[in-house]
Every structure is written in C-alpha cells, then in structure tokens.
PDB file of all heavy atoms in Angstrom:
ATOM      1  N   GLU A   1       3.009  16.785  -4.966  1.00  0.00           N
ATOM      2  CA  GLU A   1       4.441  16.521  -4.777  1.00  0.00           C
ATOM      3  C   GLU A   1       4.708  15.021  -4.683  1.00  0.00           C
ATOM      4  O   GLU A   1       5.621  14.498  -5.325  1.00  0.00           O
ATOM      5  CB  GLU A   1       4.947  17.222  -3.507  1.00  0.00           C
ATOM      6  CG  GLU A   1       5.180  18.692  -3.658  1.00  0.00           C
ATOM      7  CD  GLU A   1       6.023  19.264  -2.529  1.00  0.00           C
ATOM      8  OE1 GLU A   1       6.377  18.514  -1.588  1.00  0.00           O
ATOM      9  OE2 GLU A   1       6.316  20.456  -2.585  1.00  0.00           O
ATOM     10  N   VAL A   2       3.911  14.331  -3.873  1.00  0.00           N
ATOM     11  CA  VAL A   2       4.135  12.894  -3.672  1.00  0.00           C
ATOM     12  C   VAL A   2       3.886  12.123  -4.966  1.00  0.00           C
ATOM     13  O   VAL A   2       4.634  11.193  -5.303  1.00  0.00           O
ATOM     14  CB  VAL A   2       3.233  12.365  -2.534  1.00  0.00           C
ATOM     15  CG1 VAL A   2       3.374  10.853  -2.400  1.00  0.00           C
ATOM     16  CG2 VAL A   2       3.611  13.041  -1.216  1.00  0.00           C
ATOM     17  N   GLN A   3       2.869  12.517  -5.719  1.00  0.00           N
ATOM     18  CA  GLN A   3       2.580  11.853  -6.995  1.00  0.00           C
ATOM     19  C   GLN A   3       3.739  12.036  -7.978  1.00  0.00           C
ATOM     20  O   GLN A   3       4.080  11.106  -8.723  1.00  0.00           O
ATOM     21  CB  GLN A   3       1.271  12.394  -7.578  1.00  0.00           C
ATOM     22  CG  GLN A   3       0.050  11.918  -6.812  1.00  0.00           C
ATOM     23  CD  GLN A   3      -1.180  12.757  -7.058  1.00  0.00           C
ATOM     24  OE1 GLN A   3      -1.142  13.758  -7.784  1.00  0.00           O
ATOM     25  NE2 GLN A   3      -2.295  12.362  -6.463  1.00  0.00           N
ATOM     26  N   GLU A   4       4.351  13.210  -7.964  1.00  0.00           N
ATOM     27  CA  GLU A   4       5.511  13.450  -8.828  1.00  0.00           C
ATOM     28  C   GLU A   4       6.688  12.571  -8.419  1.00  0.00           C
ATOM     29  O   GLU A   4       7.394  12.009  -9.269  1.00  0.00           O
ATOM     30  CB  GLU A   4       5.909  14.926  -8.761  1.00  0.00           C
ATOM     31  CG  GLU A   4       7.056  15.300  -9.684  1.00  0.00           C
ATOM     32  CD  GLU A   4       7.449  16.762  -9.587  1.00  0.00           C
ATOM     33  OE1 GLU A   4       6.904  17.493  -8.727  1.00  0.00           O
ATOM     34  OE2 GLU A   4       8.329  17.180 -10.371  1.00  0.00           O
ATOM     35  N   MET A   5       6.878  12.414  -7.124  1.00  0.00           N
ATOM     36  CA  MET A   5       7.961  11.579  -6.615  1.00  0.00           C
ATOM     37  C   MET A   5       7.720  10.106  -6.965  1.00  0.00           C
ATOM     38  O   MET A   5       8.643   9.397  -7.375  1.00  0.00           O
ATOM     39  CB  MET A   5       8.085  11.781  -5.099  1.00  0.00           C
ATOM     40  CG  MET A   5       8.527  13.201  -4.729  1.00  0.00           C
ATOM     41  SD  MET A   5       7.963  13.738  -3.095  1.00  0.00           S
ATOM     42  CE  MET A   5       9.046  12.817  -2.027  1.00  0.00           C
ATOM     43  N   GLN A   6       6.466   9.663  -6.835  1.00  0.00           N
ATOM     44  CA  GLN A   6       6.129   8.287  -7.191  1.00  0.00           C
ATOM     45  C   GLN A   6       6.368   8.040  -8.677  1.00  0.00           C
ATOM     46  O   GLN A   6       6.886   6.989  -9.066  1.00  0.00           O
ATOM     47  CB  GLN A   6       4.662   8.003  -6.857  1.00  0.00           C
ATOM     48  CG  GLN A   6       4.378   7.870  -5.365  1.00  0.00           C
ATOM     49  CD  GLN A   6       2.907   7.640  -5.108  1.00  0.00           C
ATOM     50  OE1 GLN A   6       2.051   8.410  -5.557  1.00  0.00           O
ATOM     51  NE2 GLN A   6       2.582   6.592  -4.369  1.00  0.00           N
ATOM     52  N   ALA A   7       5.987   9.013  -9.502  1.00  0.00           N
ATOM     53  CA  ALA A   7       6.163   8.865 -10.950  1.00  0.00           C
ATOM     54  C   ALA A   7       7.640   8.748 -11.314  1.00  0.00           C
ATOM     55  O   ALA A   7       8.021   7.941 -12.177  1.00  0.00           O
ATOM     56  CB  ALA A   7       5.521  10.045 -11.672  1.00  0.00           C
ATOM     57  N   MET A   8       8.478   9.522 -10.657  1.00  0.00           N
ATOM     58  CA  MET A   8       9.919   9.466 -10.910  1.00  0.00           C
ATOM     59  C   MET A   8      10.484   8.109 -10.485  1.00  0.00           C
ATOM     60  O   MET A   8      11.317   7.518 -11.184  1.00  0.00           O
ATOM     61  CB  MET A   8      10.632  10.586 -10.170  1.00  0.00           C
ATOM     62  CG  MET A   8      12.156  10.516 -10.226  1.00  0.00           C
ATOM     63  SD  MET A   8      12.868  10.846 -11.860  1.00  0.00           S
ATOM     64  CE  MET A   8      12.937  12.650 -11.808  1.00  0.00           C
ATOM     65  N   ALA A   9      10.041   7.601  -9.335  1.00  0.00           N
ATOM     66  CA  ALA A   9      10.518   6.298  -8.860  1.00  0.00           C
ATOM     67  C   ALA A   9      10.149   5.201  -9.851  1.00  0.00           C
ATOM     68  O   ALA A   9      10.959   4.314 -10.143  1.00  0.00           O
ATOM     69  CB  ALA A   9       9.938   5.999  -7.481  1.00  0.00           C
ATOM     70  N   LYS A  10       8.938   5.247 -10.379  1.00  0.00           N
ATOM     71  CA  LYS A  10       8.505   4.244 -11.359  1.00  0.00           C
ATOM     72  C   LYS A  10       9.319   4.366 -12.647  1.00  0.00           C
ATOM     73  O   LYS A  10       9.711   3.356 -13.248  1.00  0.00           O
ATOM     74  CB  LYS A  10       7.014   4.406 -11.638  1.00  0.00           C
ATOM     75  CG  LYS A  10       6.140   3.986 -10.466  1.00  0.00           C
ATOM     76  CD  LYS A  10       4.666   4.207 -10.754  1.00  0.00           C
ATOM     77  CE  LYS A  10       3.814   3.808  -9.550  1.00  0.00           C
ATOM     78  NZ  LYS A  10       2.366   4.070  -9.780  1.00  0.00           N
ATOM     79  N   LYS A  11       9.566   5.600 -13.069  1.00  0.00           N
ATOM     80  CA  LYS A  11      10.343   5.824 -14.285  1.00  0.00           C
ATOM     81  C   LYS A  11      11.756   5.275 -14.135  1.00  0.00           C
ATOM     82  O   LYS A  11      12.303   4.642 -15.051  1.00  0.00           O
ATOM     83  CB  LYS A  11      10.399   7.319 -14.605  1.00  0.00           C
ATOM     84  CG  LYS A  11      11.266   7.674 -15.803  1.00  0.00           C
ATOM     85  CD  LYS A  11      11.382   9.180 -15.960  1.00  0.00           C
ATOM     86  CE  LYS A  11      12.371   9.556 -17.053  1.00  0.00           C
ATOM     87  NZ  LYS A  11      12.566  11.021 -17.155  1.00  0.00           N
ATOM     88  N   GLU A  12      12.369   5.523 -12.988  1.00  0.00           N
ATOM     89  CA  GLU A  12      13.754   5.103 -12.746  1.00  0.00           C
ATOM     90  C   GLU A  12      13.844   3.667 -12.250  1.00  0.00           C
ATOM     91  O   GLU A  12      14.949   3.146 -12.059  1.00  0.00           O
ATOM     92  CB  GLU A  12      14.418   6.047 -11.734  1.00  0.00           C
ATOM     93  CG  GLU A  12      14.505   7.501 -12.187  1.00  0.00           C
ATOM     94  CD  GLU A  12      15.411   7.686 -13.385  1.00  0.00           C
ATOM     95  OE1 GLU A  12      16.375   6.898 -13.530  1.00  0.00           O
ATOM     96  OE2 GLU A  12      15.159   8.616 -14.181  1.00  0.00           O
ATOM     97  N   LYS A  13      12.677   3.048 -11.991  1.00  0.00           N
ATOM     98  CA  LYS A  13      12.624   1.678 -11.443  1.00  0.00           C
ATOM     99  C   LYS A  13      13.401   1.575 -10.128  1.00  0.00           C
ATOM    100  O   LYS A  13      14.188   0.656  -9.904  1.00  0.00           O
ATOM    101  CB  LYS A  13      13.143   0.660 -12.456  1.00  0.00           C
ATOM    102  CG  LYS A  13      12.279   0.543 -13.707  1.00  0.00           C
ATOM    103  CD  LYS A  13      12.806  -0.506 -14.660  1.00  0.00           C
ATOM    104  CE  LYS A  13      11.862  -0.759 -15.817  1.00  0.00           C
ATOM    105  NZ  LYS A  13      11.539   0.435 -16.618  1.00  0.00           N
ATOM    106  N   ARG A  14      13.164   2.542  -9.264  1.00  0.00           N
ATOM    107  CA  ARG A  14      13.798   2.591  -7.952  1.00  0.00           C
ATOM    108  C   ARG A  14      12.740   2.483  -6.860  1.00  0.00           C
ATOM    109  O   ARG A  14      11.575   2.819  -7.058  1.00  0.00           O
ATOM    110  CB  ARG A  14      14.578   3.901  -7.757  1.00  0.00           C
ATOM    111  CG  ARG A  14      15.722   4.151  -8.711  1.00  0.00           C
ATOM    112  CD  ARG A  14      16.891   3.200  -8.495  1.00  0.00           C
ATOM    113  NE  ARG A  14      16.773   2.016  -9.339  1.00  0.00           N
ATOM    114  CZ  ARG A  14      17.625   1.009  -9.323  1.00  0.00           C
ATOM    115  NH1 ARG A  14      18.649   0.990  -8.483  1.00  0.00           N
ATOM    116  NH2 ARG A  14      17.461  -0.016 -10.132  1.00  0.00           N
ATOM    117  N   PHE A  15      13.173   2.033  -5.696  1.00  0.00           N
ATOM    118  CA  PHE A  15      12.288   1.902  -4.532  1.00  0.00           C
ATOM    119  C   PHE A  15      12.149   3.247  -3.842  1.00  0.00           C
ATOM    120  O   PHE A  15      13.136   3.971  -3.647  1.00  0.00           O
ATOM    121  CB  PHE A  15      12.865   0.871  -3.561  1.00  0.00           C
ATOM    122  CG  PHE A  15      12.107   0.742  -2.277  1.00  0.00           C
ATOM    123  CD1 PHE A  15      10.903   0.061  -2.224  1.00  0.00           C
ATOM    124  CD2 PHE A  15      12.598   1.300  -1.103  1.00  0.00           C
ATOM    125  CE1 PHE A  15      10.198  -0.072  -1.028  1.00  0.00           C
ATOM    126  CE2 PHE A  15      11.911   1.177   0.097  1.00  0.00           C
ATOM    127  CZ  PHE A  15      10.706   0.488   0.126  1.00  0.00           C
ATOM    128  N   LEU A  16      10.909   3.575  -3.446  1.00  0.00           N
ATOM    129  CA  LEU A  16      10.638   4.826  -2.728  1.00  0.00           C
ATOM    130  C   LEU A  16       9.679   4.539  -1.584  1.00  0.00           C
ATOM    131  O   LEU A  16       8.631   3.914  -1.787  1.00  0.00           O
ATOM    132  CB  LEU A  16      10.029   5.857  -3.681  1.00  0.00           C
ATOM    133  CG  LEU A  16       9.514   7.161  -3.042  1.00  0.00           C
ATOM    134  CD1 LEU A  16      10.656   7.940  -2.382  1.00  0.00           C
ATOM    135  CD2 LEU A  16       8.802   8.016  -4.088  1.00  0.00           C
ATOM    136  N   MET A  17      10.034   4.998  -0.376  1.00  0.00           N
ATOM    137  CA  MET A  17       9.193   4.770   0.802  1.00  0.00           C
ATOM    138  C   MET A  17       9.239   5.969   1.723  1.00  0.00           C
ATOM    139  O   MET A  17      10.292   6.576   1.914  1.00  0.00           O
ATOM    140  CB  MET A  17       9.672   3.526   1.563  1.00  0.00           C
ATOM    141  CG  MET A  17       8.804   3.140   2.749  1.00  0.00           C
ATOM    142  SD  MET A  17       9.409   1.656   3.605  1.00  0.00           S
ATOM    143  CE  MET A  17      10.591   2.360   4.758  1.00  0.00           C
ATOM    144  N   GLU A  18       8.083   6.305   2.288  1.00  0.00           N
ATOM    145  CA  GLU A  18       8.046   7.337   3.316  1.00  0.00           C
ATOM    146  C   GLU A  18       8.566   6.771   4.634  1.00  0.00           C
ATOM    147  O   GLU A  18       8.185   5.666   5.033  1.00  0.00           O
ATOM    148  CB  GLU A  18       6.618   7.847   3.506  1.00  0.00           C
ATOM    149  CG  GLU A  18       6.504   8.949   4.550  1.00  0.00           C
ATOM    150  CD  GLU A  18       5.075   9.420   4.735  1.00  0.00           C
ATOM    151  OE1 GLU A  18       4.178   8.564   4.856  1.00  0.00           O
ATOM    152  OE2 GLU A  18       4.862  10.639   4.770  1.00  0.00           O
ATOM    153  N   GLY A  19       9.408   7.506   5.299  1.00  0.00           N
ATOM    154  CA  GLY A  19       9.972   7.061   6.567  1.00  0.00           C
ATOM    155  C   GLY A  19       9.053   7.342   7.741  1.00  0.00           C
ATOM    156  O   GLY A  19       9.424   8.064   8.672  1.00  0.00           O
ATOM    157  N   MET A  20       7.855   6.766   7.713  1.00  0.00           N
ATOM    158  CA  MET A  20       6.930   6.848   8.843  1.00  0.00           C
ATOM    159  C   MET A  20       7.267   5.694   9.789  1.00  0.00           C
ATOM    160  O   MET A  20       6.653   4.625   9.768  1.00  0.00           O
ATOM    161  CB  MET A  20       5.495   6.765   8.335  1.00  0.00           C
ATOM    162  CG  MET A  20       4.428   6.715   9.421  1.00  0.00           C
ATOM    163  SD  MET A  20       4.362   8.157  10.486  1.00  0.00           S
ATOM    164  CE  MET A  20       3.615   9.350   9.384  1.00  0.00           C
ATOM    165  N   TRP A  21       8.290   5.909  10.630  1.00  0.00           N
ATOM    166  CA  TRP A  21       8.885   4.813  11.401  1.00  0.00           C
ATOM    167  C   TRP A  21       7.891   4.111  12.323  1.00  0.00           C
ATOM    168  O   TRP A  21       7.987   2.907  12.561  1.00  0.00           O
ATOM    169  CB  TRP A  21      10.084   5.335  12.198  1.00  0.00           C
ATOM    170  CG  TRP A  21       9.752   6.199  13.361  1.00  0.00           C
ATOM    171  CD1 TRP A  21       8.996   7.337  13.349  1.00  0.00           C
ATOM    172  CD2 TRP A  21      10.155   6.008  14.715  1.00  0.00           C
ATOM    173  NE1 TRP A  21       8.921   7.869  14.610  1.00  0.00           N
ATOM    174  CE2 TRP A  21       9.623   7.081  15.463  1.00  0.00           C
ATOM    175  CE3 TRP A  21      10.925   5.052  15.361  1.00  0.00           C
ATOM    176  CZ2 TRP A  21       9.827   7.209  16.834  1.00  0.00           C
ATOM    177  CZ3 TRP A  21      11.144   5.176  16.742  1.00  0.00           C
ATOM    178  CH2 TRP A  21      10.596   6.248  17.451  1.00  0.00           C
ATOM    179  N   THR A  22       6.888   4.852  12.811  1.00  0.00           N
ATOM    180  CA  THR A  22       5.904   4.281  13.716  1.00  0.00           C
ATOM    181  C   THR A  22       5.243   3.045  13.123  1.00  0.00           C
ATOM    182  O   THR A  22       5.011   2.050  13.822  1.00  0.00           O
ATOM    183  CB  THR A  22       4.823   5.325  14.045  1.00  0.00           C
ATOM    184  OG1 THR A  22       5.446   6.440  14.684  1.00  0.00           O
ATOM    185  CG2 THR A  22       3.750   4.755  14.957  1.00  0.00           C
ATOM    186  N   ARG A  23       4.946   3.094  11.831  1.00  0.00           N
ATOM    187  CA  ARG A  23       4.213   2.005  11.188  1.00  0.00           C
ATOM    188  C   ARG A  23       4.961   0.671  11.228  1.00  0.00           C
ATOM    189  O   ARG A  23       4.359  -0.377  11.005  1.00  0.00           O
ATOM    190  CB  ARG A  23       3.915   2.373   9.735  1.00  0.00           C
ATOM    191  CG  ARG A  23       2.756   3.335   9.591  1.00  0.00           C
ATOM    192  CD  ARG A  23       2.421   3.580   8.143  1.00  0.00           C
ATOM    193  NE  ARG A  23       1.075   4.148   8.038  1.00  0.00           N
ATOM    194  CZ  ARG A  23       0.535   4.565   6.902  1.00  0.00           C
ATOM    195  NH1 ARG A  23       1.215   4.450   5.768  1.00  0.00           N
ATOM    196  NH2 ARG A  23      -0.675   5.063   6.873  1.00  0.00           N
ATOM    197  N   PHE A  24       6.254   0.700  11.499  1.00  0.00           N
ATOM    198  CA  PHE A  24       7.056  -0.519  11.465  1.00  0.00           C
ATOM    199  C   PHE A  24       7.439  -1.024  12.855  1.00  0.00           C
ATOM    200  O   PHE A  24       8.048  -2.089  12.972  1.00  0.00           O
ATOM    201  CB  PHE A  24       8.323  -0.276  10.631  1.00  0.00           C
ATOM    202  CG  PHE A  24       8.014   0.174   9.230  1.00  0.00           C
ATOM    203  CD1 PHE A  24       8.001   1.513   8.901  1.00  0.00           C
ATOM    204  CD2 PHE A  24       7.723  -0.753   8.238  1.00  0.00           C
ATOM    205  CE1 PHE A  24       7.704   1.941   7.613  1.00  0.00           C
ATOM    206  CE2 PHE A  24       7.426  -0.346   6.944  1.00  0.00           C
ATOM    207  CZ  PHE A  24       7.409   1.010   6.634  1.00  0.00           C
ATOM    208  N   LEU A  25       7.107  -0.276  13.899  1.00  0.00           N
ATOM    209  CA  LEU A  25       7.460  -0.699  15.254  1.00  0.00           C
ATOM    210  C   LEU A  25       6.682  -1.968  15.622  1.00  0.00           C
ATOM    211  O   LEU A  25       5.476  -2.068  15.368  1.00  0.00           O
ATOM    212  CB  LEU A  25       7.156   0.405  16.260  1.00  0.00           C
ATOM    213  CG  LEU A  25       7.931   1.715  16.064  1.00  0.00           C
ATOM    214  CD1 LEU A  25       7.485   2.740  17.108  1.00  0.00           C
ATOM    215  CD2 LEU A  25       9.432   1.472  16.156  1.00  0.00           C
ATOM    216  N   PRO A  26       7.334  -2.968  16.217  1.00  0.00           N
ATOM    217  CA  PRO A  26       6.662  -4.252  16.502  1.00  0.00           C
ATOM    218  C   PRO A  26       5.376  -4.121  17.299  1.00  0.00           C
ATOM    219  O   PRO A  26       4.370  -4.757  16.957  1.00  0.00           O
ATOM    220  CB  PRO A  26       7.731  -5.028  17.271  1.00  0.00           C
ATOM    221  CG  PRO A  26       9.035  -4.469  16.794  1.00  0.00           C
ATOM    222  CD  PRO A  26       8.771  -3.002  16.565  1.00  0.00           C
ATOM    223  N   ALA A  27       5.362  -3.317  18.364  1.00  0.00           N
ATOM    224  CA  ALA A  27       4.158  -3.199  19.189  1.00  0.00           C
ATOM    225  C   ALA A  27       3.031  -2.522  18.421  1.00  0.00           C
ATOM    226  O   ALA A  27       1.872  -2.965  18.460  1.00  0.00           O
ATOM    227  CB  ALA A  27       4.472  -2.425  20.468  1.00  0.00           C
ATOM    228  N   TYR A  28       3.347  -1.446  17.731  1.00  0.00           N
ATOM    229  CA  TYR A  28       2.337  -0.740  16.939  1.00  0.00           C
ATOM    230  C   TYR A  28       1.793  -1.644  15.845  1.00  0.00           C
ATOM    231  O   TYR A  28       0.583  -1.733  15.627  1.00  0.00           O
ATOM    232  CB  TYR A  28       2.950   0.519  16.344  1.00  0.00           C
ATOM    233  CG  TYR A  28       2.010   1.334  15.494  1.00  0.00           C
ATOM    234  CD1 TYR A  28       1.210   2.318  16.060  1.00  0.00           C
ATOM    235  CD2 TYR A  28       1.926   1.133  14.119  1.00  0.00           C
ATOM    236  CE1 TYR A  28       0.341   3.073  15.284  1.00  0.00           C
ATOM    237  CE2 TYR A  28       1.064   1.864  13.334  1.00  0.00           C
ATOM    238  CZ  TYR A  28       0.274   2.840  13.911  1.00  0.00           C
ATOM    239  OH  TYR A  28      -0.584   3.575  13.123  1.00  0.00           O
ATOM    240  N   ARG A  29       2.707  -2.344  15.153  1.00  0.00           N
ATOM    241  CA  ARG A  29       2.301  -3.220  14.054  1.00  0.00           C
ATOM    242  C   ARG A  29       1.366  -4.331  14.550  1.00  0.00           C
ATOM    243  O   ARG A  29       0.357  -4.649  13.921  1.00  0.00           O
ATOM    244  CB  ARG A  29       3.558  -3.828  13.420  1.00  0.00           C
ATOM    245  CG  ARG A  29       3.368  -4.601  12.168  1.00  0.00           C
ATOM    246  CD  ARG A  29       3.245  -3.704  10.947  1.00  0.00           C
ATOM    247  NE  ARG A  29       1.854  -3.487  10.585  1.00  0.00           N
ATOM    248  CZ  ARG A  29       1.318  -2.284  10.364  1.00  0.00           C
ATOM    249  NH1 ARG A  29       2.043  -1.189  10.472  1.00  0.00           N
ATOM    250  NH2 ARG A  29       0.072  -2.148  10.039  1.00  0.00           N
ATOM    251  N   LYS A  30       1.728  -4.928  15.701  1.00  0.00           N
ATOM    252  CA  LYS A  30       0.922  -6.015  16.259  1.00  0.00           C
ATOM    253  C   LYS A  30      -0.454  -5.507  16.678  1.00  0.00           C
ATOM    254  O   LYS A  30      -1.474  -6.170  16.437  1.00  0.00           O
ATOM    255  CB  LYS A  30       1.643  -6.638  17.455  1.00  0.00           C
ATOM    256  CG  LYS A  30       0.908  -7.789  18.119  1.00  0.00           C
ATOM    257  CD  LYS A  30       0.826  -9.015  17.235  1.00  0.00           C
ATOM    258  CE  LYS A  30       0.251 -10.198  17.976  1.00  0.00           C
ATOM    259  NZ  LYS A  30       0.092 -11.392  17.115  1.00  0.00           N
ATOM    260  N   ALA A  31      -0.501  -4.336  17.297  1.00  0.00           N
ATOM    261  CA  ALA A  31      -1.777  -3.766  17.730  1.00  0.00           C
ATOM    262  C   ALA A  31      -2.684  -3.513  16.528  1.00  0.00           C
ATOM    263  O   ALA A  31      -3.878  -3.840  16.552  1.00  0.00           O
ATOM    264  CB  ALA A  31      -1.543  -2.480  18.504  1.00  0.00           C
ATOM    265  N   ILE A  32      -2.134  -2.938  15.482  1.00  0.00           N
ATOM    266  CA  ILE A  32      -2.918  -2.668  14.274  1.00  0.00           C
ATOM    267  C   ILE A  32      -3.419  -3.975  13.663  1.00  0.00           C
ATOM    268  O   ILE A  32      -4.579  -4.086  13.241  1.00  0.00           O
ATOM    269  CB  ILE A  32      -2.088  -1.871  13.256  1.00  0.00           C
ATOM    270  CG1 ILE A  32      -1.721  -0.484  13.809  1.00  0.00           C
ATOM    271  CG2 ILE A  32      -2.850  -1.729  11.934  1.00  0.00           C
ATOM    272  CD1 ILE A  32      -2.875   0.426  14.089  1.00  0.00           C
ATOM    273  N   GLN A  33      -2.555  -4.967  13.612  1.00  0.00           N
ATOM    274  CA  GLN A  33      -2.949  -6.263  13.041  1.00  0.00           C
ATOM    275  C   GLN A  33      -4.074  -6.909  13.841  1.00  0.00           C
ATOM    276  O   GLN A  33      -5.008  -7.484  13.270  1.00  0.00           O
ATOM    277  CB  GLN A  33      -1.738  -7.188  12.972  1.00  0.00           C
ATOM    278  CG  GLN A  33      -0.728  -6.800  11.899  1.00  0.00           C
ATOM    279  CD  GLN A  33       0.560  -7.591  11.977  1.00  0.00           C
ATOM    280  OE1 GLN A  33       0.813  -8.309  12.947  1.00  0.00           O
ATOM    281  NE2 GLN A  33       1.400  -7.455  10.956  1.00  0.00           N
ATOM    282  N   GLU A  34      -3.999  -6.807  15.177  1.00  0.00           N
ATOM    283  CA  GLU A  34      -5.057  -7.388  16.002  1.00  0.00           C
ATOM    284  C   GLU A  34      -6.390  -6.687  15.760  1.00  0.00           C
ATOM    285  O   GLU A  34      -7.442  -7.328  15.694  1.00  0.00           O
ATOM    286  CB  GLU A  34      -4.676  -7.325  17.483  1.00  0.00           C
ATOM    287  CG  GLU A  34      -3.560  -8.281  17.863  1.00  0.00           C
ATOM    288  CD  GLU A  34      -3.555  -8.628  19.328  1.00  0.00           C
ATOM    289  OE1 GLU A  34      -3.913  -7.768  20.157  1.00  0.00           O
ATOM    290  OE2 GLU A  34      -3.189  -9.765  19.645  1.00  0.00           O
ATOM    291  N   ILE A  35      -6.333  -5.362  15.617  1.00  0.00           N
ATOM    292  CA  ILE A  35      -7.559  -4.609  15.322  1.00  0.00           C
ATOM    293  C   ILE A  35      -8.117  -5.029  13.972  1.00  0.00           C
ATOM    294  O   ILE A  35      -9.316  -5.293  13.832  1.00  0.00           O
ATOM    295  CB  ILE A  35      -7.281  -3.092  15.351  1.00  0.00           C
ATOM    296  CG1 ILE A  35      -6.910  -2.649  16.775  1.00  0.00           C
ATOM    297  CG2 ILE A  35      -8.501  -2.321  14.843  1.00  0.00           C
ATOM    298  CD1 ILE A  35      -6.337  -1.256  16.845  1.00  0.00           C
TER     299      ILE A  35
END
C-alpha cells in the first residue's frame, strides 16, 4: 500500500509524508540525535 502511495506521489510530483508526530517533537528529536 505504501509503495503504491509513494509511486502516485512521484507521478503527480506532490509531497507525501506519514504523520508520525513523535518523530518531530523537539525533546524526542534531540534525544535521538544525541544517541
């Protein structure tokens, strides 16, 4: 499913992102970067 969605985004030249909000939180991001 995800590969099909990625292929469509590339075809249409549109941006596609999963809304995994945790990955963008400042504290989480900083902790991951330090590791």
